[in-house]
């Protein structure tokens, strides 16, 4: 037997979304004598691990963004293109994304500045404190350096994981298209891999400050 076209739809899109996988075809491919080689040659590299991957437990995950876009709805954090990009990188559906805890540190768009949107850090620090008090989640993704700063994480590299406050944090690049970090294809590949591992509860790379402790606002 040879896998149906639905299996290769995953390879074509390079997005390992579970709802696109034809499991009967995948099982047949794995059972074939040359199955593993065919998977590596024709399909997305992570396809063979889909059935083994831990399901993302959305009730244990929080996502913290900077602020809604100028046209965004303040009541629906990460409901626009940035949220869709995060869902794609995380390998989850958009419904799974909005099932996670979500919040913007600035609840309204604060206007523009020379290099992107303005950000009210004082207000962001207050809301970061509220998140630490109110959220009962294990893993929190902080989207951008401004957001990380409000939680006391200064000079922390992107994609670093921090264990503190009884939780795990991932410092993730802001998903906006104006962020030049995303211009490097290898950056996006690494971000995809580490974000998916983090959301499944796997350890990414613990970060320890070298010179000074983490500093609050």
Foldseek 3Di string as FASTA:
>chain_A
DAADVLQLVCQVVVFQAPVSHDVVRLVVLCPDPCSVVCCVVRGRPCNVCPVVFFDQDQLQEEEEAAEADQPGDLVQALPDPQVVVLCRLLSHDSVSSSSHHYHHLDSHFPAADDQGGDGDLVSSLVVLVVCLVPRDHAEYEYEDQSNCVSVQDPPDDAQEWECPSNHIYHDHYHSDPSPCQVVDVVSSVLRSVSSNCVSSPHDGHHDDDDPDDRGHD
